[in-house]
Amino acid sequence: MGSPYKRRYKSSRRTFLMLGLEILVLVFAIYRLRIAFFPQSADTSSTQTVTSTAPQALTQRDVLPTPTPDPNMPERLIVFPGASMSAPIIPAARVQGTWETRHLGESVGHLVGTSWLDSPGGNIVLAGHVESATGAPGPFAHLFDAKPGDLVILREGTREEHFKVTVIEQARPDDVRYVAQDGRRRLTLITCTDWDAESK
């Protein structure tokens, strides 16, 4: 007997979950769920632009080792009680027009080029796996349990910002508006549910 999240989402082989703010969210492979978050304080004075393609779905042979954290950098962490998760955040660099996510493992990736806590506004975009290469639940395994009103906390050292889930939505994989940097403060979480360690 498989795990509950596998049974529940087996038919939706390419669904992506995103958490964002207002009425926006990110992009990934065939379908996507978006959950928008309103931060406690939103300053929209910052305007950045990101032109990109969606992150690619992974196969088992694509997986890279997770890098060792830099001891000189403050720890980045996401805490999401509604999804029963807490995980370190590491950079997901842009490589050839997409974001590299093969190294994430049990970590959550911050899509480089999107906003972060040190910016007063903008879209913070994070990606994480539902299932690891070994078949174990990934950091976003229970992201589908999120509900409007749930709290999500981002931390970096002593800095902390709170977001609230406001919307869950499906989106097409080529809809890059969900990584847009228009100055409005929001958090977008994305995940892929098509990972299958046995068939990849």
N, C-alpha and C. Protein backbone atom coordinates (compact mmCIF):
# COMPACT_ATOMS: atom_id res chain seq x y z
N MET A 1 0.85 -1.19 0.00
CA MET A 1 0.00 0.00 0.00
C MET A 1 0.88 1.24 0.00
N GLY A 2 0.64 2.14 -0.91
CA GLY A 2 1.46 3.36 -1.03
C GLY A 2 1.08 4.40 0.00
N SER A 3 1.78 5.48 -0.02
CA SER A 3 1.50 6.58 0.91
C SER A 3 0.25 7.32 0.47
N PRO A 4 -0.46 8.00 1.38
CA PRO A 4 -1.71 8.69 1.05
C PRO A 4 -1.56 9.70 -0.05
N TYR A 5 -0.46 10.45 -0.06
CA TYR A 5 -0.35 11.49 -1.08
C TYR A 5 -0.16 10.89 -2.46
N LYS A 6 0.44 9.67 -2.55
CA LYS A 6 0.59 9.02 -3.86
C LYS A 6 -0.77 8.58 -4.38
N ARG A 7 -1.58 7.95 -3.49
CA ARG A 7 -2.89 7.49 -3.92
C ARG A 7 -3.77 8.67 -4.32
N ARG A 8 -3.71 9.70 -3.55
CA ARG A 8 -4.60 10.84 -3.77
C ARG A 8 -4.31 11.54 -5.10
N TYR A 9 -3.05 11.60 -5.50
CA TYR A 9 -2.68 12.40 -6.66
C TYR A 9 -2.12 11.58 -7.82
N LYS A 10 -2.30 10.23 -7.77
CA LYS A 10 -1.72 9.41 -8.82
C LYS A 10 -2.27 9.76 -10.19
N SER A 11 -3.56 10.07 -10.29
CA SER A 11 -4.15 10.38 -11.59
C SER A 11 -3.71 11.72 -12.14
N SER A 12 -3.31 12.62 -11.31
CA SER A 12 -2.86 13.93 -11.79
C SER A 12 -1.35 13.90 -11.93
N ARG A 13 -0.88 13.25 -12.98
CA ARG A 13 0.54 12.98 -13.17
C ARG A 13 1.38 14.23 -13.30
N ARG A 14 0.83 15.32 -13.79
CA ARG A 14 1.64 16.52 -13.95
C ARG A 14 0.87 17.72 -13.41
N THR A 15 0.81 17.77 -12.10
CA THR A 15 0.14 18.88 -11.43
C THR A 15 1.18 19.65 -10.64
N PHE A 16 1.06 20.95 -10.65
CA PHE A 16 2.02 21.76 -9.92
C PHE A 16 1.28 22.61 -8.91
N LEU A 17 1.87 22.74 -7.76
CA LEU A 17 1.26 23.52 -6.69
C LEU A 17 2.07 24.76 -6.45
N MET A 18 1.38 25.89 -6.36
CA MET A 18 2.07 27.15 -6.15
C MET A 18 1.38 27.94 -5.07
N LEU A 19 2.17 28.65 -4.38
CA LEU A 19 1.67 29.52 -3.34
C LEU A 19 2.15 30.91 -3.68
N GLY A 20 1.27 31.89 -3.79
CA GLY A 20 1.66 33.22 -4.19
C GLY A 20 0.86 34.26 -3.46
N LEU A 21 0.75 35.50 -3.93
CA LEU A 21 -0.04 36.55 -3.29
C LEU A 21 -1.04 37.06 -4.28
N GLU A 22 -1.98 37.83 -3.84
CA GLU A 22 -2.99 38.46 -4.67
C GLU A 22 -3.53 37.44 -5.67
N ILE A 23 -3.56 37.80 -6.98
CA ILE A 23 -4.14 36.87 -7.94
C ILE A 23 -3.08 36.38 -8.90
N LEU A 24 -1.87 36.13 -8.40
CA LEU A 24 -0.78 35.67 -9.25
C LEU A 24 -0.15 34.43 -8.68
N VAL A 25 0.57 33.72 -9.49
CA VAL A 25 1.37 32.59 -9.05
C VAL A 25 2.26 32.10 -10.17
N LEU A 26 3.04 31.07 -9.95
CA LEU A 26 4.12 30.64 -10.84
C LEU A 26 3.75 29.63 -11.91
N VAL A 27 4.79 29.03 -12.49
CA VAL A 27 4.65 28.12 -13.61
C VAL A 27 5.42 26.84 -13.35
N PHE A 28 4.98 25.75 -13.96
CA PHE A 28 5.77 24.52 -13.92
C PHE A 28 5.35 23.62 -15.05
N ALA A 29 5.19 22.38 -14.89
CA ALA A 29 4.97 21.47 -16.03
C ALA A 29 3.53 21.35 -16.47
N ILE A 30 2.71 20.46 -16.37
CA ILE A 30 1.48 20.52 -17.14
C ILE A 30 0.37 21.26 -16.43
N TYR A 31 0.16 20.95 -15.18
CA TYR A 31 -0.83 21.68 -14.42
C TYR A 31 -0.18 22.20 -13.17
N ARG A 32 -0.87 23.07 -12.51
CA ARG A 32 -0.28 23.65 -11.34
C ARG A 32 -1.37 24.16 -10.40
N LEU A 33 -1.14 24.06 -9.12
CA LEU A 33 -2.04 24.65 -8.14
C LEU A 33 -1.33 25.84 -7.54
N ARG A 34 -2.03 26.94 -7.42
CA ARG A 34 -1.39 28.11 -6.83
C ARG A 34 -2.11 28.48 -5.55
N ILE A 35 -1.36 28.81 -4.56
CA ILE A 35 -1.90 29.33 -3.32
C ILE A 35 -1.28 30.69 -3.12
N ALA A 36 -2.08 31.71 -3.09
CA ALA A 36 -1.52 33.05 -2.96
C ALA A 36 -1.45 33.43 -1.49
N PHE A 37 -0.45 34.22 -1.16
CA PHE A 37 -0.24 34.67 0.21
C PHE A 37 -0.17 36.17 0.26
N PHE A 38 -0.79 36.75 1.26
CA PHE A 38 -0.61 38.18 1.53
C PHE A 38 0.35 38.29 2.70
N PRO A 39 1.43 39.04 2.55
CA PRO A 39 2.34 39.22 3.67
C PRO A 39 1.74 40.18 4.68
N GLN A 40 2.32 40.21 5.87
CA GLN A 40 1.81 41.12 6.89
C GLN A 40 2.05 42.57 6.49
N SER A 41 3.14 42.83 5.81
CA SER A 41 3.39 44.19 5.34
C SER A 41 3.83 44.11 3.89
N ALA A 42 3.24 44.91 3.04
CA ALA A 42 3.56 44.86 1.62
C ALA A 42 3.96 46.23 1.13
N ASP A 43 5.22 46.35 0.72
CA ASP A 43 5.72 47.58 0.12
C ASP A 43 5.94 47.29 -1.35
N THR A 44 5.27 48.01 -2.23
CA THR A 44 5.35 47.71 -3.65
C THR A 44 6.24 48.70 -4.38
N SER A 45 7.21 49.27 -3.70
CA SER A 45 8.07 50.26 -4.34
C SER A 45 9.10 49.63 -5.27
N SER A 46 9.40 48.34 -5.07
CA SER A 46 10.42 47.68 -5.88
C SER A 46 9.82 47.13 -7.16
N THR A 47 10.49 47.31 -8.28
CA THR A 47 10.03 46.72 -9.53
C THR A 47 11.21 46.05 -10.21
N GLN A 48 11.11 44.72 -10.33
CA GLN A 48 12.13 43.93 -11.00
C GLN A 48 11.45 43.20 -12.14
N THR A 49 12.24 42.73 -13.09
CA THR A 49 11.66 41.93 -14.17
C THR A 49 12.44 40.64 -14.31
N VAL A 50 11.71 39.56 -14.59
CA VAL A 50 12.32 38.26 -14.84
C VAL A 50 11.68 37.70 -16.09
N THR A 51 12.49 37.34 -17.06
CA THR A 51 12.01 36.65 -18.25
C THR A 51 12.52 35.23 -18.16
N SER A 52 11.63 34.26 -18.25
CA SER A 52 12.07 32.90 -18.00
C SER A 52 11.18 31.88 -18.66
N THR A 53 11.62 30.63 -18.58
CA THR A 53 10.79 29.50 -18.92
C THR A 53 10.52 28.75 -17.64
N ALA A 54 9.54 27.86 -17.68
CA ALA A 54 9.19 27.11 -16.48
C ALA A 54 10.28 26.12 -16.11
N PRO A 55 10.43 25.82 -14.80
CA PRO A 55 11.35 24.76 -14.40
C PRO A 55 10.92 23.44 -15.03
N GLN A 56 11.87 22.57 -15.29
CA GLN A 56 11.59 21.31 -15.96
C GLN A 56 11.34 20.20 -14.95
N ALA A 57 10.45 19.24 -15.32
CA ALA A 57 10.24 18.06 -14.49
C ALA A 57 11.50 17.21 -14.52
N LEU A 58 11.75 16.46 -13.45
CA LEU A 58 12.98 15.70 -13.32
C LEU A 58 12.77 14.22 -13.56
N THR A 59 13.83 13.55 -13.97
CA THR A 59 13.87 12.10 -13.97
C THR A 59 14.91 11.69 -12.95
N GLN A 60 14.90 10.43 -12.53
CA GLN A 60 15.82 9.99 -11.48
C GLN A 60 17.27 10.19 -11.90
N ARG A 61 17.60 9.94 -13.15
CA ARG A 61 18.99 10.08 -13.59
C ARG A 61 19.46 11.53 -13.59
N ASP A 62 18.51 12.49 -13.53
CA ASP A 62 18.86 13.91 -13.52
C ASP A 62 19.29 14.42 -12.16
N VAL A 63 18.97 13.69 -11.10
CA VAL A 63 19.16 14.22 -9.74
C VAL A 63 20.63 14.49 -9.45
N LEU A 64 20.90 15.66 -8.89
CA LEU A 64 22.25 16.05 -8.50
C LEU A 64 22.35 16.07 -6.97
N PRO A 65 23.55 15.91 -6.41
CA PRO A 65 23.66 15.98 -4.95
C PRO A 65 23.36 17.38 -4.44
N THR A 66 22.76 17.45 -3.25
CA THR A 66 22.48 18.74 -2.63
C THR A 66 23.79 19.35 -2.14
N PRO A 67 24.06 20.61 -2.48
CA PRO A 67 25.33 21.21 -2.06
C PRO A 67 25.38 21.44 -0.55
N THR A 68 26.59 21.47 -0.02
CA THR A 68 26.80 21.77 1.40
C THR A 68 26.53 23.25 1.64
N PRO A 69 25.72 23.58 2.66
CA PRO A 69 25.43 24.99 2.94
C PRO A 69 26.70 25.78 3.26
N ASP A 70 26.72 27.04 2.87
CA ASP A 70 27.83 27.93 3.16
C ASP A 70 27.73 28.35 4.63
N PRO A 71 28.72 27.99 5.48
CA PRO A 71 28.63 28.32 6.91
C PRO A 71 28.69 29.83 7.18
N ASN A 72 29.12 30.61 6.20
CA ASN A 72 29.20 32.06 6.38
C ASN A 72 27.89 32.78 6.06
N MET A 73 26.92 32.04 5.52
CA MET A 73 25.64 32.64 5.15
C MET A 73 24.60 32.29 6.22
N PRO A 74 23.68 33.23 6.54
CA PRO A 74 22.62 32.90 7.50
C PRO A 74 21.70 31.83 6.92
N GLU A 75 21.22 30.95 7.79
CA GLU A 75 20.34 29.88 7.34
C GLU A 75 19.01 30.45 6.85
N ARG A 76 18.55 29.94 5.72
CA ARG A 76 17.23 30.28 5.18
C ARG A 76 16.30 29.11 5.44
N LEU A 77 15.08 29.41 5.86
CA LEU A 77 14.16 28.35 6.27
C LEU A 77 12.73 28.73 5.91
N ILE A 78 11.95 27.72 5.48
CA ILE A 78 10.51 27.90 5.30
C ILE A 78 9.81 27.04 6.34
N VAL A 79 8.83 27.61 7.02
CA VAL A 79 8.02 26.90 8.01
C VAL A 79 6.57 27.03 7.58
N PHE A 80 5.91 25.89 7.39
CA PHE A 80 4.54 25.87 6.88
C PHE A 80 3.75 24.85 7.70
N PRO A 81 3.22 25.25 8.88
CA PRO A 81 2.52 24.31 9.74
C PRO A 81 1.34 23.61 9.05
N GLY A 82 0.61 24.32 8.19
CA GLY A 82 -0.55 23.74 7.53
C GLY A 82 -0.20 22.61 6.58
N ALA A 83 1.04 22.58 6.10
CA ALA A 83 1.50 21.51 5.22
C ALA A 83 2.48 20.59 5.95
N SER A 84 2.51 20.69 7.27
CA SER A 84 3.36 19.85 8.11
C SER A 84 4.81 19.84 7.64
N MET A 85 5.36 21.03 7.36
CA MET A 85 6.72 21.04 6.84
C MET A 85 7.53 22.22 7.34
N SER A 86 8.82 21.94 7.44
CA SER A 86 9.83 22.94 7.70
C SER A 86 11.06 22.46 6.94
N ALA A 87 11.68 23.33 6.15
CA ALA A 87 12.80 22.88 5.32
C ALA A 87 13.76 24.03 5.07
N PRO A 88 15.04 23.70 4.87
CA PRO A 88 16.01 24.73 4.49
C PRO A 88 15.75 25.21 3.07
N ILE A 89 16.12 26.44 2.80
CA ILE A 89 15.99 27.02 1.46
C ILE A 89 17.38 27.23 0.90
N ILE A 90 17.60 26.73 -0.33
CA ILE A 90 18.88 26.90 -1.00
C ILE A 90 18.64 27.53 -2.37
N PRO A 91 19.65 28.13 -2.99
CA PRO A 91 19.45 28.76 -4.30
C PRO A 91 19.16 27.73 -5.40
N ALA A 92 18.28 28.10 -6.31
CA ALA A 92 18.03 27.35 -7.54
C ALA A 92 18.41 28.28 -8.69
N ALA A 93 19.61 28.10 -9.22
CA ALA A 93 20.16 29.01 -10.22
C ALA A 93 19.48 28.84 -11.58
N ARG A 94 19.56 29.90 -12.39
CA ARG A 94 19.07 29.84 -13.77
C ARG A 94 20.15 29.25 -14.65
N VAL A 95 19.79 28.22 -15.41
CA VAL A 95 20.73 27.57 -16.32
C VAL A 95 20.02 27.37 -17.66
N GLN A 96 20.55 27.97 -18.70
CA GLN A 96 20.00 27.84 -20.06
C GLN A 96 18.50 28.12 -20.10
N GLY A 97 18.09 29.22 -19.49
CA GLY A 97 16.71 29.68 -19.59
C GLY A 97 15.72 29.04 -18.64
N THR A 98 16.18 28.17 -17.75
CA THR A 98 15.27 27.57 -16.78
C THR A 98 15.98 27.51 -15.43
N TRP A 99 15.28 27.11 -14.39
CA TRP A 99 15.88 27.02 -13.07
C TRP A 99 16.33 25.59 -12.79
N GLU A 100 17.50 25.46 -12.22
CA GLU A 100 18.07 24.15 -11.87
C GLU A 100 17.48 23.68 -10.55
N THR A 101 16.73 22.57 -10.60
CA THR A 101 16.10 22.04 -9.38
C THR A 101 16.53 20.62 -9.07
N ARG A 102 17.46 20.07 -9.86
CA ARG A 102 17.85 18.67 -9.66
C ARG A 102 18.59 18.44 -8.36
N HIS A 103 19.13 19.48 -7.76
CA HIS A 103 19.93 19.35 -6.54
C HIS A 103 19.14 19.58 -5.26
N LEU A 104 17.85 19.86 -5.37
CA LEU A 104 17.10 20.29 -4.18
C LEU A 104 16.99 19.23 -3.10
N GLY A 105 16.76 17.98 -3.47
CA GLY A 105 16.63 16.92 -2.47
C GLY A 105 15.56 17.25 -1.45
N GLU A 106 15.94 17.30 -0.17
CA GLU A 106 15.01 17.61 0.91
C GLU A 106 14.92 19.10 1.19
N SER A 107 15.58 19.90 0.38
CA SER A 107 15.55 21.36 0.54
C SER A 107 14.52 21.97 -0.40
N VAL A 108 14.21 23.23 -0.16
CA VAL A 108 13.34 24.02 -1.03
C VAL A 108 14.24 25.01 -1.76
N GLY A 109 13.99 25.21 -3.06
CA GLY A 109 14.84 26.10 -3.85
C GLY A 109 14.24 27.48 -4.02
N HIS A 110 15.06 28.51 -3.79
CA HIS A 110 14.67 29.89 -4.10
C HIS A 110 15.07 30.15 -5.54
N LEU A 111 14.12 30.44 -6.42
CA LEU A 111 14.41 30.67 -7.83
C LEU A 111 15.16 31.99 -7.97
N VAL A 112 16.45 31.88 -8.29
CA VAL A 112 17.33 33.04 -8.38
C VAL A 112 16.78 34.00 -9.43
N GLY A 113 16.75 35.29 -9.08
CA GLY A 113 16.17 36.31 -9.95
C GLY A 113 14.81 36.76 -9.48
N THR A 114 14.19 35.97 -8.58
CA THR A 114 12.94 36.41 -7.98
C THR A 114 13.27 37.11 -6.66
N SER A 115 12.30 37.79 -6.10
CA SER A 115 12.52 38.61 -4.91
C SER A 115 12.95 37.77 -3.71
N TRP A 116 13.42 38.45 -2.67
CA TRP A 116 13.78 37.78 -1.41
C TRP A 116 13.48 38.73 -0.26
N LEU A 117 13.73 38.27 0.96
CA LEU A 117 13.38 39.03 2.16
C LEU A 117 14.07 40.38 2.24
N ASP A 118 15.22 40.52 1.61
CA ASP A 118 15.93 41.80 1.68
C ASP A 118 15.36 42.85 0.73
N SER A 119 14.37 42.47 -0.08
CA SER A 119 13.69 43.43 -0.96
C SER A 119 12.34 43.79 -0.35
N PRO A 120 11.94 45.07 -0.40
CA PRO A 120 10.69 45.48 0.24
C PRO A 120 9.44 45.00 -0.49
N GLY A 121 9.55 44.64 -1.76
CA GLY A 121 8.41 44.18 -2.53
C GLY A 121 8.83 43.07 -3.45
N GLY A 122 7.91 42.63 -4.30
CA GLY A 122 8.23 41.62 -5.30
C GLY A 122 7.77 40.23 -4.92
N ASN A 123 7.90 39.33 -5.88
CA ASN A 123 7.41 37.97 -5.81
C ASN A 123 8.55 37.03 -5.41
N ILE A 124 8.46 36.45 -4.22
CA ILE A 124 9.42 35.43 -3.78
C ILE A 124 8.91 34.09 -4.30
N VAL A 125 9.73 33.40 -5.11
CA VAL A 125 9.28 32.14 -5.70
C VAL A 125 10.16 31.00 -5.20
N LEU A 126 9.50 30.00 -4.61
CA LEU A 126 10.19 28.82 -4.08
C LEU A 126 9.64 27.56 -4.73
N ALA A 127 10.52 26.59 -4.98
CA ALA A 127 10.13 25.31 -5.57
C ALA A 127 10.64 24.17 -4.71
N GLY A 128 9.87 23.09 -4.64
CA GLY A 128 10.30 21.91 -3.88
C GLY A 128 9.64 20.67 -4.43
N HIS A 129 10.25 19.52 -4.13
CA HIS A 129 9.74 18.24 -4.64
C HIS A 129 8.68 17.65 -3.71
N VAL A 130 7.74 16.91 -4.29
CA VAL A 130 6.74 16.15 -3.54
C VAL A 130 7.35 14.83 -3.09
N GLU A 131 8.21 14.26 -3.92
CA GLU A 131 8.81 12.96 -3.64
C GLU A 131 10.28 12.99 -4.03
N SER A 132 11.11 12.33 -3.24
CA SER A 132 12.54 12.31 -3.51
C SER A 132 12.89 11.19 -4.49
N ALA A 133 14.15 11.14 -4.90
CA ALA A 133 14.63 10.11 -5.82
C ALA A 133 14.50 8.72 -5.21
N THR A 134 14.48 8.63 -3.89
CA THR A 134 14.36 7.33 -3.23
C THR A 134 12.91 6.92 -3.01
N GLY A 135 11.98 7.79 -3.36
CA GLY A 135 10.56 7.51 -3.15
C GLY A 135 10.03 8.05 -1.84
N ALA A 136 10.90 8.62 -1.02
CA ALA A 136 10.46 9.20 0.25
C ALA A 136 9.75 10.53 0.01
N PRO A 137 8.84 10.92 0.90
CA PRO A 137 8.16 12.21 0.73
C PRO A 137 9.17 13.36 0.71
N GLY A 138 8.98 14.28 -0.22
CA GLY A 138 9.81 15.47 -0.31
C GLY A 138 9.28 16.57 0.59
N PRO A 139 9.93 17.73 0.62
CA PRO A 139 9.51 18.80 1.52
C PRO A 139 8.11 19.33 1.23
N PHE A 140 7.65 19.22 -0.03
CA PHE A 140 6.31 19.70 -0.38
C PHE A 140 5.31 18.56 -0.53
N ALA A 141 5.56 17.42 0.11
CA ALA A 141 4.68 16.26 -0.01
C ALA A 141 3.26 16.56 0.46
N HIS A 142 3.12 17.43 1.44
CA HIS A 142 1.79 17.72 2.00
C HIS A 142 1.32 19.13 1.65
N LEU A 143 1.92 19.69 0.62
CA LEU A 143 1.53 21.04 0.22
C LEU A 143 0.07 21.10 -0.20
N PHE A 144 -0.44 19.97 -0.69
CA PHE A 144 -1.83 19.92 -1.13
C PHE A 144 -2.82 19.99 0.02
N ASP A 145 -2.34 19.86 1.24
CA ASP A 145 -3.20 19.99 2.41
C ASP A 145 -3.39 21.44 2.83
N ALA A 146 -2.70 22.36 2.17
CA ALA A 146 -2.79 23.78 2.53
C ALA A 146 -4.20 24.30 2.31
N LYS A 147 -4.61 25.25 3.15
CA LYS A 147 -5.93 25.86 3.06
C LYS A 147 -5.81 27.37 3.13
N PRO A 148 -6.74 28.10 2.51
CA PRO A 148 -6.73 29.56 2.65
C PRO A 148 -6.71 29.95 4.13
N GLY A 149 -5.87 30.91 4.44
CA GLY A 149 -5.71 31.37 5.81
C GLY A 149 -4.51 30.76 6.51
N ASP A 150 -3.95 29.67 5.97
CA ASP A 150 -2.77 29.05 6.59
C ASP A 150 -1.59 30.01 6.58
N LEU A 151 -0.78 29.92 7.61
CA LEU A 151 0.40 30.76 7.77
C LEU A 151 1.62 30.09 7.15
N VAL A 152 2.44 30.87 6.45
CA VAL A 152 3.73 30.42 5.94
C VAL A 152 4.77 31.43 6.41
N ILE A 153 5.85 30.94 6.98
CA ILE A 153 6.90 31.81 7.53
C ILE A 153 8.20 31.58 6.78
N LEU A 154 8.84 32.66 6.34
CA LEU A 154 10.18 32.59 5.76
C LEU A 154 11.14 33.23 6.74
N ARG A 155 12.30 32.58 6.94
CA ARG A 155 13.31 33.10 7.86
C ARG A 155 14.67 33.11 7.19
N GLU A 156 15.44 34.13 7.51
CA GLU A 156 16.85 34.18 7.13
C GLU A 156 17.59 34.82 8.29
N GLY A 157 18.36 34.02 9.03
CA GLY A 157 18.99 34.53 10.23
C GLY A 157 17.94 35.03 11.20
N THR A 158 18.02 36.31 11.58
CA THR A 158 17.06 36.90 12.51
C THR A 158 15.87 37.55 11.80
N ARG A 159 15.92 37.63 10.48
CA ARG A 159 14.84 38.25 9.70
C ARG A 159 13.74 37.22 9.47
N GLU A 160 12.49 37.67 9.55
CA GLU A 160 11.35 36.78 9.38
C GLU A 160 10.21 37.53 8.70
N GLU A 161 9.51 36.86 7.80
CA GLU A 161 8.34 37.46 7.16
C GLU A 161 7.22 36.43 7.10
N HIS A 162 6.00 36.87 7.42
CA HIS A 162 4.85 35.98 7.46
C HIS A 162 3.97 36.22 6.24
N PHE A 163 3.44 35.11 5.70
CA PHE A 163 2.51 35.17 4.58
C PHE A 163 1.30 34.33 4.94
N LYS A 164 0.17 34.63 4.30
CA LYS A 164 -1.06 33.89 4.54
C LYS A 164 -1.57 33.36 3.21
N VAL A 165 -1.95 32.08 3.18
CA VAL A 165 -2.49 31.48 1.96
C VAL A 165 -3.80 32.18 1.62
N THR A 166 -3.92 32.63 0.38
CA THR A 166 -5.16 33.28 -0.05
C THR A 166 -5.84 32.59 -1.22
N VAL A 167 -5.09 31.85 -2.03
CA VAL A 167 -5.72 31.19 -3.18
C VAL A 167 -4.90 29.99 -3.62
N ILE A 168 -5.59 28.95 -4.08
CA ILE A 168 -4.96 27.76 -4.65
C ILE A 168 -5.45 27.67 -6.09
N GLU A 169 -4.53 27.48 -7.02
CA GLU A 169 -4.93 27.58 -8.42
C GLU A 169 -4.10 26.68 -9.31
N GLN A 170 -4.70 26.19 -10.40
CA GLN A 170 -3.97 25.45 -11.42
C GLN A 170 -3.55 26.41 -12.51
N ALA A 171 -2.40 26.14 -13.10
CA ALA A 171 -1.90 27.01 -14.17
C ALA A 171 -1.18 26.18 -15.21
N ARG A 172 -1.08 26.72 -16.41
CA ARG A 172 -0.36 26.04 -17.48
C ARG A 172 1.14 26.17 -17.25
N PRO A 173 1.92 25.20 -17.73
CA PRO A 173 3.36 25.23 -17.49
C PRO A 173 4.09 26.36 -18.20
N ASP A 174 3.50 26.90 -19.25
CA ASP A 174 4.18 27.96 -20.00
C ASP A 174 3.71 29.36 -19.57
N ASP A 175 2.95 29.44 -18.50
CA ASP A 175 2.41 30.72 -18.05
C ASP A 175 3.39 31.38 -17.08
N VAL A 176 4.39 32.06 -17.63
CA VAL A 176 5.47 32.61 -16.82
C VAL A 176 5.09 33.87 -16.05
N ARG A 177 3.86 34.32 -16.17
CA ARG A 177 3.47 35.52 -15.40
C ARG A 177 3.55 35.26 -13.90
N TYR A 178 3.55 34.01 -13.50
CA TYR A 178 3.58 33.69 -12.08
C TYR A 178 4.94 33.90 -11.44
N VAL A 179 5.97 34.15 -12.23
CA VAL A 179 7.27 34.52 -11.67
C VAL A 179 7.55 36.00 -11.88
N ALA A 180 6.55 36.73 -12.36
CA ALA A 180 6.72 38.15 -12.67
C ALA A 180 7.11 38.94 -11.43
N GLN A 181 7.95 39.96 -11.63
CA GLN A 181 8.39 40.84 -10.55
C GLN A 181 7.83 42.23 -10.81
N ASP A 182 6.59 42.45 -10.38
CA ASP A 182 5.91 43.72 -10.64
C ASP A 182 5.89 44.62 -9.41
N GLY A 183 6.61 44.25 -8.37
CA GLY A 183 6.67 45.08 -7.17
C GLY A 183 5.69 44.69 -6.09
N ARG A 184 4.64 43.95 -6.43
CA ARG A 184 3.67 43.53 -5.41
C ARG A 184 4.25 42.39 -4.57
N ARG A 185 4.21 42.54 -3.28
CA ARG A 185 4.79 41.54 -2.38
C ARG A 185 3.93 40.30 -2.36
N ARG A 186 4.53 39.15 -2.62
CA ARG A 186 3.83 37.88 -2.57
C ARG A 186 4.83 36.74 -2.48
N LEU A 187 4.33 35.58 -2.11
CA LEU A 187 5.12 34.36 -2.05
C LEU A 187 4.45 33.34 -2.94
N THR A 188 5.22 32.70 -3.81
CA THR A 188 4.69 31.68 -4.70
C THR A 188 5.45 30.38 -4.45
N LEU A 189 4.73 29.32 -4.08
CA LEU A 189 5.33 28.01 -3.87
C LEU A 189 4.88 27.08 -4.98
N ILE A 190 5.83 26.35 -5.56
CA ILE A 190 5.48 25.44 -6.65
C ILE A 190 6.05 24.06 -6.39
N THR A 191 5.35 23.05 -6.87
CA THR A 191 5.86 21.69 -6.79
C THR A 191 5.32 20.88 -7.94
N CYS A 192 5.99 19.80 -8.24
CA CYS A 192 5.59 18.89 -9.31
C CYS A 192 5.14 17.59 -8.69
N THR A 193 4.01 17.05 -9.13
CA THR A 193 3.53 15.77 -8.60
C THR A 193 3.75 14.64 -9.59
N ASP A 194 4.54 14.83 -10.64
CA ASP A 194 4.74 13.75 -11.60
C ASP A 194 6.00 12.95 -11.33
N TRP A 195 6.68 13.21 -10.20
CA TRP A 195 7.89 12.46 -9.89
C TRP A 195 7.53 11.03 -9.57
N ASP A 196 8.17 10.07 -10.21
CA ASP A 196 7.96 8.65 -9.97
C ASP A 196 9.33 7.98 -10.01
N ALA A 197 9.90 7.69 -8.87
CA ALA A 197 11.27 7.16 -8.81
C ALA A 197 11.39 5.80 -9.49
N GLU A 198 10.30 5.02 -9.54
CA GLU A 198 10.38 3.69 -10.15
C GLU A 198 10.37 3.74 -11.66
N SER A 199 9.66 4.71 -12.23
CA SER A 199 9.53 4.73 -13.68
C SER A 199 10.46 5.71 -14.35
N LYS A 200 11.19 6.53 -13.60
CA LYS A 200 12.07 7.54 -14.21
C LYS A 200 13.47 7.00 -14.38
